[in-house]
C-alpha atoms as a PDB file:
ATOM      1  CA  MET A   1      84.679 136.954  81.511  1.00  0.00           C
ATOM      2  CA  GLU A   2      88.456 137.337  81.602  1.00  0.00           C
ATOM      3  CA  ILE A   3      91.483 135.660  83.158  1.00  0.00           C
ATOM      4  CA  GLU A   4      95.054 136.899  83.110  1.00  0.00           C
ATOM      5  CA  PHE A   5      98.307 134.970  83.437  1.00  0.00           C
ATOM      6  CA  ALA A   6     101.623 136.709  84.102  1.00  0.00           C
ATOM      7  CA  PHE A   7     104.460 135.938  81.708  1.00  0.00           C
ATOM      8  CA  ARG A   8     107.092 133.607  83.174  1.00  0.00           C
ATOM      9  CA  ARG A   9     110.734 134.713  83.262  1.00  0.00           C
ATOM     10  CA  GLU A  10     113.088 131.982  82.071  1.00  0.00           C
ATOM     11  CA  GLY A  11     116.727 131.649  81.176  1.00  0.00           C
ATOM     12  CA  SER A  12     117.739 131.415  77.519  1.00  0.00           C
ATOM     13  CA  ASP A  13     121.145 130.394  76.184  1.00  0.00           C
ATOM     14  CA  LEU A  14     120.711 132.937  73.385  1.00  0.00           C
ATOM     15  CA  PHE A  15     118.971 135.838  75.099  1.00  0.00           C
ATOM     16  CA  GLY A  16     119.762 135.586  78.804  1.00  0.00           C
ATOM     17  CA  SER A  17     116.504 136.189  80.634  1.00  0.00           C
ATOM     18  CA  ILE A  18     113.307 136.130  78.573  1.00  0.00           C
ATOM     19  CA  SER A  19     109.582 136.400  79.369  1.00  0.00           C
ATOM     20  CA  ARG A  20     107.289 133.745  77.910  1.00  0.00           C
ATOM     21  CA  PRO A  21     103.461 133.627  77.736  1.00  0.00           C
ATOM     22  CA  ILE A  22     101.926 130.873  79.831  1.00  0.00           C
ATOM     23  CA  ALA A  23      98.479 129.792  80.963  1.00  0.00           C
ATOM     24  CA  ARG A  24      97.337 127.567  83.809  1.00  0.00           C
ATOM     25  CA  VAL A  25      95.223 124.811  82.315  1.00  0.00           C
ATOM     26  CA  ILE A  26      93.529 121.921  84.064  1.00  0.00           C
ATOM     27  CA  VAL A  27      93.800 118.866  81.814  1.00  0.00           C
ATOM     28  CA  ILE A  28      90.924 116.421  82.334  1.00  0.00           C
ATOM     29  CA  HIS A  29      90.584 112.808  81.240  1.00  0.00           C
ATOM     30  CA  ARG A  30      87.902 110.655  82.775  1.00  0.00           C
ATOM     31  CA  ARG A  31      88.154 111.359  86.515  1.00  0.00           C
ATOM     32  CA  ARG A  32      91.714 112.663  86.454  1.00  0.00           C
ATOM     33  CA  ARG A  33      92.337 116.406  86.664  1.00  0.00           C
ATOM     34  CA  ILE A  34      95.907 117.622  86.332  1.00  0.00           C
ATOM     35  CA  PRO A  35      96.804 121.330  86.530  1.00  0.00           C
ATOM     36  CA  GLN A  36      99.661 122.279  84.194  1.00  0.00           C
ATOM     37  CA  LEU A  37     101.377 125.427  82.939  1.00  0.00           C
ATOM     38  CA  PHE A  38     101.291 125.595  79.130  1.00  0.00           C
ATOM     39  CA  TYR A  39     103.176 127.916  76.821  1.00  0.00           C
ATOM     40  CA  VAL A  40     100.559 129.820  74.834  1.00  0.00           C
ATOM     41  CA  ASP A  41     101.836 129.346  71.285  1.00  0.00           C
ATOM     42  CA  SER A  42      99.977 131.102  68.473  1.00  0.00           C
ATOM     43  CA  GLY A  43     102.382 129.431  66.031  1.00  0.00           C
ATOM     44  CA  ALA A  44     101.466 125.894  67.110  1.00  0.00           C
ATOM     45  CA  ASP A  45      98.762 124.204  65.062  1.00  0.00           C
ATOM     46  CA  ILE A  46      97.835 121.736  67.800  1.00  0.00           C
ATOM     47  CA  THR A  47      98.182 121.496  71.557  1.00  0.00           C
ATOM     48  CA  LEU A  48     101.006 119.179  72.682  1.00  0.00           C
ATOM     49  CA  ILE A  49     101.615 117.277  75.897  1.00  0.00           C
ATOM     50  CA  PRO A  50     104.685 115.138  76.709  1.00  0.00           C
ATOM     51  CA  LYS A  51     104.517 111.415  77.365  1.00  0.00           C
ATOM     52  CA  SER A  52     104.560 111.754  81.168  1.00  0.00           C
ATOM     53  CA  VAL A  53     101.445 113.961  81.258  1.00  0.00           C
ATOM     54  CA  GLY A  54      99.558 111.476  79.063  1.00  0.00           C
ATOM     55  CA  ASP A  55     100.712 108.666  81.335  1.00  0.00           C
ATOM     56  CA  LEU A  56      99.435 110.546  84.420  1.00  0.00           C
ATOM     57  CA  LEU A  57      96.085 110.969  82.679  1.00  0.00           C
ATOM     58  CA  GLY A  58      95.917 107.240  81.918  1.00  0.00           C
ATOM     59  CA  LEU A  59      96.207 107.586  78.130  1.00  0.00           C
ATOM     60  CA  LYS A  60      96.974 104.365  76.273  1.00  0.00           C
ATOM     61  CA  LEU A  61      98.312 103.556  72.816  1.00  0.00           C
ATOM     62  CA  ALA A  62      95.730 101.284  71.191  1.00  0.00           C
ATOM     63  CA  SER A  63      97.700 100.488  68.042  1.00  0.00           C
ATOM     64  CA  PRO A  64     100.995 101.468  66.366  1.00  0.00           C
ATOM     65  CA  GLN A  65      98.910 102.632  63.383  1.00  0.00           C
ATOM     66  CA  GLU A  66      97.694 105.570  65.517  1.00  0.00           C
ATOM     67  CA  ILE A  67     101.165 107.083  65.637  1.00  0.00           C
ATOM     68  CA  ARG A  68     101.720 110.132  63.439  1.00  0.00           C
ATOM     69  CA  GLU A  69     104.717 112.400  63.063  1.00  0.00           C
ATOM     70  CA  ILE A  70     104.574 116.140  63.619  1.00  0.00           C
ATOM     71  CA  LYS A  71     107.282 118.673  62.811  1.00  0.00           C
ATOM     72  CA  GLY A  72     107.925 122.126  64.137  1.00  0.00           C
ATOM     73  CA  ILE A  73     110.532 124.596  62.993  1.00  0.00           C
ATOM     74  CA  GLY A  74     113.306 121.987  62.777  1.00  0.00           C
ATOM     75  CA  GLU A  75     113.611 119.016  60.474  1.00  0.00           C
ATOM     76  CA  ARG A  76     113.254 116.415  63.229  1.00  0.00           C
ATOM     77  CA  GLY A  77     109.754 115.043  63.659  1.00  0.00           C
ATOM     78  CA  VAL A  78     108.292 113.676  66.879  1.00  0.00           C
ATOM     79  CA  PRO A  79     105.795 110.812  67.215  1.00  0.00           C
ATOM     80  CA  ILE A  80     102.350 111.783  68.491  1.00  0.00           C
ATOM     81  CA  VAL A  81      98.950 110.223  68.985  1.00  0.00           C
ATOM     82  CA  ILE A  82      95.861 112.420  68.721  1.00  0.00           C
ATOM     83  CA  ARG A  83      93.570 112.260  71.738  1.00  0.00           C
ATOM     84  CA  ARG A  84      90.481 114.214  72.789  1.00  0.00           C
ATOM     85  CA  LEU A  85      90.698 115.654  76.282  1.00  0.00           C
ATOM     86  CA  GLN A  86      88.848 118.259  78.302  1.00  0.00           C
ATOM     87  CA  PHE A  87      90.668 121.462  79.229  1.00  0.00           C
ATOM     88  CA  GLN A  88      89.654 124.082  81.747  1.00  0.00           C
ATOM     89  CA  VAL A  89      90.953 127.659  81.666  1.00  0.00           C
ATOM     90  CA  GLY A  90      89.526 129.663  84.521  1.00  0.00           C
ATOM     91  CA  SER A  91      85.863 128.607  84.744  1.00  0.00           C
ATOM     92  CA  LYS A  92      85.588 127.639  81.051  1.00  0.00           C
ATOM     93  CA  ALA A  93      85.830 123.916  80.199  1.00  0.00           C
ATOM     94  CA  PHE A  94      86.034 122.725  76.586  1.00  0.00           C
ATOM     95  CA  PRO A  95      87.069 119.698  74.473  1.00  0.00           C
ATOM     96  CA  VAL A  96      90.494 119.797  72.801  1.00  0.00           C
ATOM     97  CA  ARG A  97      92.304 117.613  70.292  1.00  0.00           C
ATOM     98  CA  VAL A  98      95.750 117.078  71.752  1.00  0.00           C
ATOM     99  CA  GLY A  99      98.930 115.654  70.301  1.00  0.00           C
ATOM    100  CA  TRP A 100     100.183 113.271  72.990  1.00  0.00           C
ATOM    101  CA  CYS A 101     103.871 113.058  72.243  1.00  0.00           C
ATOM    102  CA  LEU A 102     105.408 109.642  72.802  1.00  0.00           C
ATOM    103  CA  LEU A 103     108.648 111.332  73.854  1.00  0.00           C
ATOM    104  CA  GLU A 104     109.322 113.438  76.909  1.00  0.00           C
ATOM    105  CA  GLU A 105     111.335 116.167  75.170  1.00  0.00           C
ATOM    106  CA  VAL A 106     108.457 118.458  74.198  1.00  0.00           C
ATOM    107  CA  PRO A 107     107.061 121.373  76.186  1.00  0.00           C
ATOM    108  CA  LEU A 108     103.410 121.748  77.078  1.00  0.00           C
ATOM    109  CA  LEU A 109     102.100 123.895  74.202  1.00  0.00           C
ATOM    110  CA  LEU A 110      98.621 125.380  73.976  1.00  0.00           C
ATOM    111  CA  GLY A 111      98.075 125.515  70.211  1.00  0.00           C
ATOM    112  CA  ARG A 112      95.431 127.138  68.026  1.00  0.00           C
ATOM    113  CA  LEU A 113      93.276 124.121  67.094  1.00  0.00           C
ATOM    114  CA  ASP A 114      90.178 123.936  69.327  1.00  0.00           C
ATOM    115  CA  CYS A 115      91.511 126.523  71.820  1.00  0.00           C
ATOM    116  CA  PHE A 116      92.025 129.873  70.139  1.00  0.00           C
ATOM    117  CA  ARG A 117      88.538 129.980  68.544  1.00  0.00           C
ATOM    118  CA  LEU A 118      86.927 130.032  71.994  1.00  0.00           C
ATOM    119  CA  PHE A 119      88.830 133.008  73.375  1.00  0.00           C
ATOM    120  CA  THR A 120      90.116 136.402  72.471  1.00  0.00           C
ATOM    121  CA  ILE A 121      93.741 136.040  73.511  1.00  0.00           C
ATOM    122  CA  THR A 122      95.849 139.136  74.033  1.00  0.00           C
ATOM    123  CA  PHE A 123      99.580 139.110  74.637  1.00  0.00           C
ATOM    124  CA  ARG A 124     100.625 142.135  76.670  1.00  0.00           C
ATOM    125  CA  HIS A 125     104.305 142.214  75.757  1.00  0.00           C
ATOM    126  CA  ASN A 126     106.425 140.686  78.532  1.00  0.00           C
ATOM    127  CA  LEU A 127     103.643 141.197  81.072  1.00  0.00           C
ATOM    128  CA  ALA A 128     100.609 138.985  80.713  1.00  0.00           C
ATOM    129  CA  THR A 129      98.480 136.733  78.545  1.00  0.00           C
ATOM    130  CA  VAL A 130      94.788 137.603  78.759  1.00  0.00           C
ATOM    131  CA  PHE A 131      91.984 135.158  77.833  1.00  0.00           C
ATOM    132  CA  ARG A 132      88.488 136.627  77.268  1.00  0.00           C
ATOM    133  CA  TRP A 133      85.275 134.728  76.597  1.00  0.00           C
END
């Protein structure tokens, strides 16, 4: 089975207009189902969601000891809590470990852990992201 998502054109301060790979994912926690557009990021170790998406899903911080710090390209780390959620891409549903960021300033990133092993993902340059399973 296969599903294709068109790249999304966005403005960039550095490059003007740029096309970025996205995927429509339904994020599921208990009885809540929230459709979101994620950047498909083969450089991201883990999937990330911002604070507001976790809040909409009803995620809670059980203890300050759960908080970890994750870093990307820059030096500044962001606080996250690891949660297990269900994701659905097309008709395929699967469990995913997600970094729920406790800040709002992170994009929705679909990372490699738990996601990329289930699909063959092809990036058709500036056109589409194709998921096959």
